[in-house]
Protein backbone atom coordinates (compact mmCIF):
# COMPACT_ATOMS: atom_id res chain seq x y z
CA MET A 1 -21.18 16.07 9.25
CA SER A 2 -18.43 18.65 10.09
CA ASP A 3 -15.65 19.20 7.37
CA HIS A 4 -13.23 19.39 10.22
CA PRO A 5 -11.26 16.28 10.70
CA LEU A 6 -11.45 16.20 14.45
CA LEU A 7 -15.43 15.88 14.18
CA ASP A 8 -15.15 13.68 11.05
CA GLY A 9 -14.86 10.16 12.18
CA ALA A 10 -12.20 10.42 14.81
CA SER A 11 -12.91 8.01 17.50
CA ASN A 12 -9.79 6.75 19.32
CA SER A 13 -8.13 8.95 22.04
CA SER A 14 -4.60 8.24 20.88
CA PHE A 15 -4.88 9.89 17.44
CA ARG A 16 -5.63 13.42 16.35
CA TYR A 17 -5.72 14.78 13.05
CA GLY A 18 -3.07 17.43 12.83
CA ALA A 19 -0.38 16.91 15.50
CA PHE A 20 -0.07 13.58 17.03
CA ASP A 21 1.42 11.85 19.71
CA THR A 22 4.31 9.54 18.48
CA SER A 23 4.90 7.54 21.76
CA SER A 24 4.79 3.71 21.52
CA ASP A 25 4.71 0.89 23.97
CA SER A 26 7.14 -1.32 21.50
CA PRO A 27 10.38 -2.16 22.42
CA ALA A 28 13.00 0.18 21.34
CA LEU A 29 15.43 -0.79 18.81
CA PRO A 30 19.30 -0.46 20.28
CA GLU A 31 21.10 2.40 19.24
CA CYS A 32 23.23 0.54 16.98
CA ASP A 33 20.44 -0.61 15.06
CA GLU A 34 18.70 2.75 15.08
CA GLN A 35 21.92 4.16 13.22
CA ASN A 36 21.60 1.62 10.57
CA ARG A 37 17.90 1.72 10.07
CA GLN A 38 18.14 2.46 6.61
CA MET A 39 19.85 -0.65 5.88
CA VAL A 40 17.76 -2.95 8.16
CA GLU A 41 14.86 -1.29 6.34
CA LYS A 42 16.14 -2.14 2.89
CA ARG A 43 16.63 -5.82 3.98
CA LEU A 44 13.28 -6.12 5.55
CA LEU A 45 11.40 -4.47 2.41
CA ARG A 46 13.46 -6.90 -0.05
CA LYS A 47 12.24 -9.88 1.88
CA LEU A 48 9.09 -8.74 2.23
CA ASP A 49 8.68 -7.67 -1.42
CA LEU A 50 9.62 -11.28 -2.49
CA ARG A 51 6.82 -12.75 -0.65
CA ILE A 52 4.20 -10.39 -1.51
CA ALA A 53 5.06 -10.92 -5.05
CA PHE A 54 3.56 -14.44 -4.53
CA LEU A 55 0.17 -12.75 -4.06
CA VAL A 56 0.37 -11.79 -7.83
CA LEU A 57 0.31 -15.40 -8.68
CA ILE A 58 -2.88 -15.82 -6.52
CA TYR A 59 -4.45 -12.98 -7.94
CA ILE A 60 -3.90 -14.18 -11.36
CA MET A 61 -5.44 -17.24 -10.51
CA SER A 62 -8.38 -15.63 -8.99
CA TRP A 63 -9.15 -13.53 -12.26
CA ILE A 64 -8.72 -16.60 -14.40
CA ASP A 65 -11.01 -18.62 -12.46
CA ARG A 66 -13.93 -15.80 -12.27
CA THR A 67 -13.34 -14.84 -16.13
CA ASN A 68 -12.83 -18.49 -17.75
CA ALA A 69 -16.45 -18.48 -18.44
CA ALA A 70 -16.26 -15.71 -20.85
CA ALA A 71 -13.44 -17.94 -22.91
CA ALA A 72 -15.48 -20.96 -22.39
CA ARG A 73 -18.35 -19.18 -24.21
CA LEU A 74 -16.47 -19.22 -27.45
CA SER A 75 -16.42 -23.18 -27.17
CA GLY A 76 -19.98 -23.97 -26.68
CA PHE A 77 -20.52 -23.41 -23.04
CA GLU A 78 -23.92 -21.52 -23.62
CA GLU A 79 -25.04 -24.37 -25.94
CA ASP A 80 -24.00 -27.30 -23.80
CA LEU A 81 -25.68 -25.92 -20.75
CA GLY A 82 -28.65 -24.82 -22.81
CA MET A 83 -28.52 -21.15 -21.83
CA THR A 84 -30.99 -18.83 -23.65
CA GLY A 85 -31.61 -15.10 -23.53
CA ASN A 86 -29.65 -13.12 -20.60
CA GLN A 87 -28.90 -16.39 -18.85
CA PHE A 88 -25.23 -16.12 -19.65
CA ASN A 89 -25.16 -12.31 -18.20
CA THR A 90 -27.00 -13.75 -15.00
CA LEU A 91 -24.22 -16.33 -14.70
CA MET A 92 -21.47 -13.60 -14.74
CA SER A 93 -23.64 -11.46 -12.52
CA ILE A 94 -24.39 -14.00 -9.65
CA PHE A 95 -20.56 -14.19 -8.76
CA TYR A 96 -20.63 -10.66 -7.68
CA VAL A 97 -23.49 -11.38 -5.41
CA GLY A 98 -21.54 -14.05 -3.37
CA TYR A 99 -18.52 -11.47 -3.59
CA LEU A 100 -20.29 -8.72 -2.00
CA LEU A 101 -21.96 -10.78 0.86
CA THR A 102 -18.52 -12.13 2.19
CA GLN A 103 -15.82 -9.38 1.97
CA THR A 104 -16.58 -7.29 5.01
CA PRO A 105 -16.94 -10.24 7.45
CA SER A 106 -14.05 -11.92 6.07
CA ASN A 107 -11.63 -8.98 6.42
CA MET A 108 -13.08 -8.39 10.09
CA PHE A 109 -12.44 -11.92 10.80
CA LEU A 110 -8.80 -11.60 9.30
CA ASP A 111 -8.17 -8.65 11.22
CA ARG A 112 -8.47 -10.90 14.22
CA MET A 113 -6.35 -13.53 13.12
CA THR A 114 -2.58 -14.24 13.62
CA ARG A 115 -2.15 -16.88 10.76
CA PRO A 116 -3.75 -14.70 7.50
CA SER A 117 -1.40 -16.91 5.17
CA LEU A 118 -3.49 -20.06 6.29
CA TYR A 119 -6.78 -18.39 5.89
CA LEU A 120 -6.17 -17.06 2.40
CA SER A 121 -4.53 -20.26 1.39
CA ILE A 122 -7.72 -22.45 2.37
CA CYS A 123 -10.16 -19.94 0.66
CA MET A 124 -7.94 -20.21 -2.35
CA ALA A 125 -8.22 -24.08 -2.49
CA ILE A 126 -11.75 -24.29 -1.99
CA TRP A 127 -12.50 -21.90 -5.00
CA GLY A 128 -10.18 -24.05 -6.93
CA ALA A 129 -12.21 -26.83 -6.16
CA ILE A 130 -15.56 -25.11 -7.16
CA THR A 131 -13.90 -24.29 -10.50
CA VAL A 132 -13.06 -28.00 -10.97
CA CYS A 133 -16.72 -28.94 -10.36
CA MET A 134 -17.85 -25.99 -12.98
CA GLY A 135 -16.11 -28.36 -15.53
CA VAL A 136 -18.29 -31.48 -14.84
CA ALA A 137 -21.63 -29.08 -14.54
CA GLN A 138 -24.37 -30.32 -16.65
CA THR A 139 -27.17 -27.81 -16.45
CA TYR A 140 -27.38 -24.08 -16.19
CA HIS A 141 -28.85 -24.01 -12.73
CA VAL A 142 -25.83 -25.98 -11.32
CA ALA A 143 -23.36 -23.75 -12.84
CA LEU A 144 -25.37 -20.77 -11.60
CA ILE A 145 -25.14 -22.21 -8.08
CA LEU A 146 -21.28 -23.00 -8.52
CA ARG A 147 -20.70 -19.43 -9.82
CA PHE A 148 -22.37 -17.95 -6.48
CA MET A 149 -20.28 -20.13 -4.31
CA LEU A 150 -17.21 -19.19 -6.31
CA GLY A 151 -17.74 -15.52 -5.67
CA PHE A 152 -18.84 -16.23 -1.96
CA VAL A 153 -15.34 -18.04 -1.12
CA GLU A 154 -13.06 -15.74 -3.76
CA ALA A 155 -14.17 -12.67 -1.68
CA ALA A 156 -11.98 -13.29 1.05
CA PHE A 157 -8.83 -12.82 -1.21
CA PHE A 158 -8.45 -9.39 -2.76
CA PRO A 159 -9.63 -7.11 0.38
CA GLY A 160 -7.74 -9.53 2.61
CA ALA A 161 -4.65 -9.01 0.49
CA ILE A 162 -4.99 -5.30 0.31
CA PHE A 163 -5.46 -5.21 4.11
CA LEU A 164 -2.32 -7.40 4.37
CA LEU A 165 -0.36 -5.06 2.33
CA SER A 166 -1.51 -2.09 4.44
CA ARG A 167 -0.26 -3.84 7.71
CA TRP A 168 3.27 -4.10 6.33
CA TYR A 169 3.91 -0.72 4.11
CA LYS A 170 3.77 2.82 4.77
CA ARG A 171 1.41 5.36 3.01
CA ASN A 172 4.12 6.09 0.55
CA GLU A 173 4.91 2.66 -0.37
CA LEU A 174 1.59 1.44 -0.97
CA GLY A 175 0.72 2.66 -4.36
CA LEU A 176 3.68 0.69 -5.98
CA ARG A 177 2.89 -2.53 -3.94
CA THR A 178 -0.84 -2.42 -4.72
CA ALA A 179 0.04 -1.86 -8.45
CA LEU A 180 2.33 -4.96 -8.22
CA LEU A 181 -0.58 -6.93 -6.74
CA ALA A 182 -3.24 -5.42 -9.10
CA CYS A 183 -0.89 -6.22 -12.20
CA GLY A 184 -2.21 -9.85 -11.33
CA SER A 185 -5.55 -8.81 -12.88
CA SER A 186 -4.21 -7.48 -15.97
CA LEU A 187 -1.74 -10.30 -16.51
CA SER A 188 -4.52 -12.73 -15.89
CA ASN A 189 -6.58 -11.08 -18.73
CA ALA A 190 -3.73 -11.40 -21.08
CA PHE A 191 -2.49 -14.95 -20.24
CA SER A 192 -5.67 -16.42 -19.40
CA ALA A 193 -6.77 -15.68 -23.19
CA LEU A 194 -3.36 -17.69 -24.11
CA ILE A 195 -4.10 -20.65 -21.64
CA ALA A 196 -7.51 -20.82 -22.92
CA SER A 197 -6.58 -20.66 -26.57
CA GLY A 198 -3.98 -23.51 -25.74
CA ILE A 199 -6.64 -25.78 -23.98
CA LEU A 200 -9.39 -25.33 -26.34
CA ALA A 201 -7.48 -25.94 -29.29
CA SER A 202 -5.52 -28.80 -27.94
CA LEU A 203 -7.68 -30.74 -25.30
CA ASP A 204 -10.99 -30.57 -27.17
CA GLY A 205 -12.60 -34.02 -27.24
CA ALA A 206 -9.81 -35.43 -25.08
CA LEU A 207 -11.19 -38.47 -22.82
CA GLY A 208 -14.58 -37.23 -24.04
CA PHE A 209 -14.79 -33.88 -22.76
CA THR A 210 -15.32 -30.87 -24.47
CA GLY A 211 -12.78 -28.06 -24.47
CA TRP A 212 -14.64 -25.62 -22.17
CA ARG A 213 -14.67 -28.51 -19.60
CA TRP A 214 -11.01 -29.13 -19.75
CA LEU A 215 -10.63 -25.21 -19.40
CA PHE A 216 -12.27 -25.33 -15.82
CA LEU A 217 -10.71 -28.69 -15.09
CA VAL A 218 -7.09 -27.50 -15.69
CA GLU A 219 -7.39 -23.93 -14.40
CA GLY A 220 -8.93 -25.34 -11.04
CA ALA A 221 -6.35 -27.69 -10.50
CA LEU A 222 -3.60 -25.25 -11.23
CA THR A 223 -5.28 -23.12 -8.39
CA ILE A 224 -5.31 -26.03 -5.84
CA VAL A 225 -1.52 -26.33 -6.59
CA VAL A 226 -0.78 -22.45 -5.91
CA ALA A 227 -3.04 -22.57 -3.02
CA VAL A 228 -1.06 -25.45 -0.99
CA SER A 229 2.27 -23.61 -1.85
CA ALA A 230 0.85 -20.39 -0.39
CA ILE A 231 0.74 -21.71 3.29
CA TRP A 232 4.48 -21.55 3.45
CA ILE A 233 5.24 -18.55 0.96
CA LEU A 234 2.59 -15.87 2.24
CA PRO A 235 3.67 -13.50 5.09
CA ASP A 236 1.49 -13.11 8.20
CA PHE A 237 1.31 -9.96 10.20
CA PRO A 238 4.27 -7.90 11.70
CA SER A 239 3.31 -9.04 15.32
CA THR A 240 3.23 -12.64 14.40
CA PRO A 241 6.76 -14.38 14.92
CA SER A 242 7.99 -15.01 11.44
CA VAL A 243 11.12 -17.42 10.65
CA TRP A 244 12.09 -15.44 7.64
CA LEU A 245 12.70 -12.36 9.39
CA LEU A 246 15.64 -11.61 11.69
CA PRO A 247 14.88 -10.04 15.06
CA ASP A 248 15.87 -6.70 14.11
CA GLU A 249 13.78 -6.65 11.12
CA GLN A 250 10.69 -7.86 12.91
CA THR A 251 11.06 -5.19 15.51
CA LEU A 252 11.41 -2.65 12.72
CA ALA A 253 8.37 -3.92 10.87
CA LYS A 254 6.14 -3.41 14.07
CA ARG A 255 7.60 -0.06 14.56
CA ARG A 256 7.00 1.33 10.97
CA MET A 257 3.26 0.52 11.46
CA GLU A 258 3.11 2.14 14.78
CA GLU A 259 4.93 5.33 13.30
CA GLU A 260 2.47 5.21 10.15
CA VAL A 261 -0.81 5.11 12.44
CA ALA A 262 1.00 7.79 14.47
CA ALA A 263 0.35 5.88 17.78
CA GLY A 264 1.27 2.40 18.74
CA ASN A 265 -1.36 2.44 21.56
CA GLU A 266 -4.07 2.98 19.24
CA HIS A 267 -7.04 1.74 21.41
CA LYS A 268 -5.66 2.79 24.85
CA GLY A 269 -8.58 3.92 26.75
CA VAL A 270 -11.03 2.80 24.15
CA PRO A 271 -13.28 -0.31 24.65
CA LEU A 272 -12.28 -2.70 21.87
CA GLY A 273 -15.04 -4.60 20.51
CA GLY A 274 -14.58 -7.21 17.70
CA TRP A 275 -16.93 -4.96 15.58
CA SER A 276 -15.58 -1.66 16.62
CA GLY A 277 -13.51 -1.06 13.36
CA LEU A 278 -16.79 -2.05 11.45
CA ILE A 279 -19.12 0.54 13.28
CA GLU A 280 -16.30 3.12 12.83
CA ALA A 281 -16.36 2.70 9.06
CA ILE A 282 -20.08 2.44 8.60
CA THR A 283 -20.46 5.77 10.42
CA ASP A 284 -17.91 7.53 8.31
CA TRP A 285 -19.64 9.09 5.22
CA LYS A 286 -16.45 8.97 3.43
CA VAL A 287 -16.58 5.28 3.14
CA TRP A 288 -20.10 5.48 1.40
CA TRP A 289 -19.03 8.04 -0.81
CA LEU A 290 -16.01 6.35 -2.03
CA SER A 291 -18.01 3.10 -2.36
CA ALA A 292 -20.44 4.97 -4.68
CA ALA A 293 -17.75 6.30 -6.64
CA LEU A 294 -16.11 2.68 -6.94
CA ILE A 295 -19.47 1.36 -8.06
CA LEU A 296 -19.70 3.54 -10.90
CA MET A 297 -16.07 3.07 -11.63
CA ASP A 298 -16.62 -0.64 -11.67
CA ALA A 299 -19.62 -0.53 -13.79
CA SER A 300 -17.71 1.38 -16.49
CA LEU A 301 -15.03 -1.70 -16.00
CA SER A 302 -17.53 -4.34 -17.06
CA PHE A 303 -15.90 -4.74 -20.50
CA ARG A 304 -13.39 -6.83 -18.79
CA ILE A 305 -15.46 -9.59 -18.01
CA PHE A 306 -16.87 -9.58 -21.66
CA PHE A 307 -13.36 -8.74 -23.30
CA PRO A 308 -13.28 -12.01 -25.57
CA THR A 309 -16.51 -11.06 -26.86
CA LEU A 310 -15.40 -7.47 -27.69
CA SER A 311 -12.42 -9.18 -29.34
CA ALA A 312 -14.75 -11.46 -31.39
CA THR A 313 -16.66 -8.78 -32.87
CA MET A 314 -13.62 -8.20 -35.21
CA GLY A 315 -14.61 -11.43 -37.07
CA TYR A 316 -11.70 -13.85 -36.41
CA ASN A 317 -11.91 -17.51 -35.16
CA SER A 318 -11.81 -18.48 -31.44
CA THR A 319 -8.15 -19.01 -31.29
CA ILE A 320 -7.07 -15.98 -32.85
CA THR A 321 -9.69 -14.05 -31.02
CA LEU A 322 -8.35 -15.29 -27.76
CA LEU A 323 -4.78 -14.44 -28.92
CA LEU A 324 -5.94 -10.76 -29.95
CA CYS A 325 -6.97 -10.32 -25.98
CA ALA A 326 -3.37 -10.48 -24.55
CA PRO A 327 -1.54 -7.44 -26.02
CA PRO A 328 -3.98 -4.71 -24.49
CA TRP A 329 -3.53 -6.19 -21.17
CA ILE A 330 0.12 -6.38 -21.47
CA LEU A 331 0.26 -2.71 -22.28
CA GLY A 332 -2.13 -2.24 -19.34
CA THR A 333 0.20 -3.82 -16.78
CA LEU A 334 3.17 -1.84 -18.05
CA THR A 335 1.07 1.49 -17.59
CA LEU A 336 -0.01 0.40 -14.36
CA PHE A 337 3.48 0.39 -12.79
CA VAL A 338 4.38 3.68 -14.23
CA VAL A 339 1.18 5.53 -13.13
CA ALA A 340 1.18 3.79 -9.60
CA ARG A 341 5.07 4.74 -9.15
CA HIS A 342 4.56 8.37 -10.16
CA SER A 343 1.28 8.39 -8.07
CA ASP A 344 3.62 7.61 -5.02
CA ALA A 345 6.33 9.94 -6.21
CA THR A 346 3.92 12.88 -6.32
CA SER A 347 1.75 11.92 -3.49
CA ASP A 348 -1.18 12.49 -5.91
CA ARG A 349 -4.01 10.03 -6.21
CA PHE A 350 -7.16 12.04 -7.91
CA TRP A 351 -5.18 12.75 -11.27
CA HIS A 352 -3.82 9.34 -11.35
CA THR A 353 -7.27 8.13 -11.14
CA ALA A 354 -9.06 10.41 -13.45
CA GLY A 355 -6.32 9.91 -16.08
CA PRO A 356 -6.66 6.50 -16.97
CA LEU A 357 -10.54 6.83 -16.84
CA PHE A 358 -10.35 9.72 -19.49
CA VAL A 359 -8.09 7.43 -21.84
CA ALA A 360 -10.82 4.68 -21.44
CA ILE A 361 -13.45 6.99 -22.38
CA VAL A 362 -11.51 7.90 -25.52
CA GLY A 363 -11.48 4.05 -26.40
CA PHE A 364 -15.02 3.76 -25.72
CA MET A 365 -15.65 6.59 -28.39
CA MET A 366 -13.63 4.99 -30.95
CA ALA A 367 -15.53 1.66 -30.42
CA ILE A 368 -18.87 3.43 -30.95
CA SER A 369 -17.71 5.30 -34.05
CA THR A 370 -16.81 2.45 -36.37
CA MET A 371 -16.92 -1.14 -37.25
CA ASN A 372 -13.41 -1.14 -38.86
CA ALA A 373 -11.45 -4.05 -37.45
CA ALA A 374 -8.25 -2.21 -36.87
CA VAL A 375 -9.94 0.85 -34.94
CA ARG A 376 -11.88 -1.36 -32.86
CA TYR A 377 -8.91 -3.46 -31.93
CA LEU A 378 -6.73 -0.18 -31.13
CA SER A 379 -9.79 0.96 -28.98
CA LEU A 380 -9.32 -2.40 -26.61
CA PHE A 381 -5.70 -0.91 -25.79
CA PHE A 382 -7.15 2.44 -24.59
CA MET A 383 -10.05 0.57 -22.76
CA ALA A 384 -7.32 -1.48 -20.86
CA GLN A 385 -5.99 1.46 -19.23
CA ALA A 386 -9.12 1.93 -16.98
CA PRO A 387 -8.18 -0.64 -14.37
CA VAL A 388 -5.27 1.44 -13.42
CA ALA A 389 -7.76 3.95 -12.05
CA HIS A 390 -9.25 1.13 -9.92
CA ILE A 391 -5.91 0.27 -8.34
CA VAL A 392 -4.85 3.81 -7.66
CA SER A 393 -8.23 4.58 -6.01
CA LEU A 394 -8.10 1.45 -3.77
CA THR A 395 -4.61 2.70 -2.52
CA TRP A 396 -6.51 6.19 -1.92
CA VAL A 397 -8.92 4.42 0.17
CA MET A 398 -6.02 2.72 2.24
CA ASN A 399 -4.29 6.24 2.63
CA THR A 400 -7.61 7.92 3.87
CA PHE A 401 -8.28 5.50 6.59
CA SER A 402 -4.73 4.58 7.76
CA GLN A 403 -5.09 5.92 11.19
CA SER A 404 -6.88 2.72 12.64
CA GLN A 405 -5.88 -0.86 11.48
CA SER A 406 -9.41 -2.19 12.56
CA LYS A 407 -11.16 0.87 10.57
CA ARG A 408 -8.74 0.34 7.77
CA ALA A 409 -9.86 -3.33 7.52
CA ALA A 410 -13.51 -2.78 7.51
CA ALA A 411 -13.24 0.49 5.03
CA ILE A 412 -11.26 -1.64 2.50
CA ALA A 413 -13.50 -4.42 2.69
CA LEU A 414 -16.78 -2.34 2.70
CA THR A 415 -15.72 -0.22 -0.26
CA ASN A 416 -14.40 -3.03 -2.21
CA ALA A 417 -17.56 -5.24 -1.44
CA LEU A 418 -20.03 -2.43 -2.36
CA SER A 419 -17.96 -1.51 -5.49
CA SER A 420 -19.00 -5.11 -6.76
CA ILE A 421 -22.64 -3.82 -7.08
CA GLY A 422 -21.25 -2.01 -10.12
CA PHE A 423 -20.35 -5.54 -11.69
CA ILE A 424 -23.70 -6.96 -10.74
CA GLY A 425 -25.72 -4.42 -12.52
CA SER A 426 -23.34 -3.78 -15.37
CA SER A 427 -23.21 -7.69 -16.53
CA TYR A 428 -26.28 -6.59 -18.11
CA PHE A 429 -24.81 -3.75 -20.13
CA TRP A 430 -23.71 -6.49 -22.69
CA PRO A 431 -26.85 -8.39 -23.84
CA SER A 432 -26.35 -10.20 -27.14
CA ARG A 433 -28.70 -8.28 -29.18
CA TRP A 434 -26.69 -4.99 -28.60
CA GLY A 435 -23.86 -6.77 -30.58
CA PRO A 436 -21.87 -6.82 -32.69
CA SER A 437 -21.44 -2.92 -32.35
CA TYR A 438 -22.39 -2.72 -28.53
CA VAL A 439 -23.11 1.11 -28.95
CA ASN A 440 -25.54 1.16 -26.00
CA SER A 441 -22.87 -0.85 -23.69
CA PHE A 442 -20.25 1.80 -24.67
CA VAL A 443 -22.44 4.57 -23.90
CA MET A 444 -23.29 3.22 -20.51
CA CYS A 445 -19.37 2.85 -19.72
CA ILE A 446 -18.88 6.66 -20.71
CA LEU A 447 -21.67 7.63 -18.52
CA THR A 448 -20.48 5.70 -15.49
CA SER A 449 -16.90 6.47 -15.86
CA ALA A 450 -17.64 10.47 -16.18
CA MET A 451 -19.84 10.17 -13.01
CA SER A 452 -17.04 8.33 -11.37
CA ILE A 453 -14.37 11.07 -12.04
CA VAL A 454 -16.81 13.83 -10.76
CA MET A 455 -17.41 11.81 -7.48
CA PHE A 456 -13.62 11.71 -7.00
CA TRP A 457 -13.19 15.31 -7.65
CA VAL A 458 -15.75 16.15 -4.81
CA PHE A 459 -13.94 13.86 -2.40
CA ARG A 460 -10.53 15.42 -3.32
CA GLU A 461 -11.92 19.11 -2.74
CA HIS A 462 -13.26 17.82 0.82
CA LEU A 463 -10.12 16.24 1.84
CA SER A 464 -8.06 19.56 0.62
CA ARG A 465 -10.07 21.62 2.93
CA CYS A 466 -9.58 19.13 5.84
CA ASN A 467 -5.65 19.64 5.15
CA GLU A 468 -6.15 23.23 5.19
CA ALA A 469 -7.91 23.24 8.49
CA ALA A 470 -5.48 21.23 10.27
CA GLU A 471 -2.71 23.39 8.83
CA ALA A 472 -4.19 26.66 10.25
CA GLU A 473 -5.02 24.67 13.52
CA GLU A 474 -1.22 23.75 13.91
CA GLN A 475 0.07 27.51 13.00
CA ALA A 476 -2.53 29.05 15.42
CA LEU A 477 -1.33 26.84 18.40
CA GLY A 478 2.14 26.19 17.58
CA LEU A 479 1.79 22.12 17.10
CA PRO A 480 4.24 20.19 15.04
CA LYS A 481 2.87 19.02 11.47
CA GLY A 482 0.67 16.18 11.83
CA PHE A 483 -1.32 13.77 9.62
CA ARG A 484 -2.29 14.95 6.01
CA TYR A 485 -4.76 13.30 3.71
CA ILE A 486 -3.29 12.27 0.49
CA LEU A 487 -5.15 13.96 -2.47
């Protein structure tokens, strides 16, 4: 495989790395609107940001529904369903098996739709219903099947939401918006613990149901309510007529994306098949390299699934244990915004990925070194910085494959889906027999974090050489400055 970008995965005739053709078949904005583009663009982004913010609430519900089993574990979930040995770890792992299978075909289907808002809302309502069913499960095997189905359906949301963002925002705007979306993950870790502590403490025994059953019933019902609201709130694609956009805003939204991919006629002269973007992504080695790096990173993030278990090692009761889970994730959310905004401002992705991972490694080492409650609690604040790296790296994926919408959809889905392999295996990093110190578990997290950093460094060096080659070509041929990979 050549290092030169012209020979490295470029498959459409209207785009070339380096200089590019900025012609477009879309209707031009009137001259008066061209002069006022900045004003129209601000108005467009303000409206869009308000609707995209609703994705944060959906992502919060998504993470609550996938991690509430960890909180239920503190209230007799394992005992009531007769779990033994590593069965709870298998229950947590099976979610990501379903999650892995659905993401890529879901995003390819989403790329062909005109109403992604309806599709994502329906998927959300279904996973809310599955969560409700978890609340009435009577056996371990029923719960196992439901967890697999939950991952199968929930997989449509996050890569779909990331792709939706990439269809509205420019490359230098994506970092902050992706961070806004991803803060739902950190916030859910914080507030799900608070919600769980309230439900487990106040509803235990109500109507003959134990507290952990009420946890699934209440949170599943809330998910369904949010899903119904999302039908009218979520945006569709810029090419889909929208009643909430003025005509000049709609035209500018489409033009922005045409400028971003460097050609509005992306597929002109190229036969377009429903799976062409998937084929392009599969045959691009960069997709597989990034996927491997993300697998290692997600393996190191497995502590998120067992966060209440780690908090419980400090010896407090279940209510205090869950309340203590919130502050580290609140700090992690604040850090996420700062790092993502600075990443956009400096057009840097690698160091803003590696930095949070280094901080998390310090947290893992602190947890290994002592069983002192204060030090171990402080270590949780350091660990909670690691998800920041995951979000910045996903933005890097979108930036790297921004030249083609269909390929971008497939690349986002493939990398995010394959990365879930890291969670499938790393769910077994935390067997009960390794507790309460979990030294071996933290050692595994340190190793996978370090390996991930190395892989991202190698990837950065490759992209840097590609940019240098493009600059040399432009100078030799007298071409204007074209596309550059963000490092």
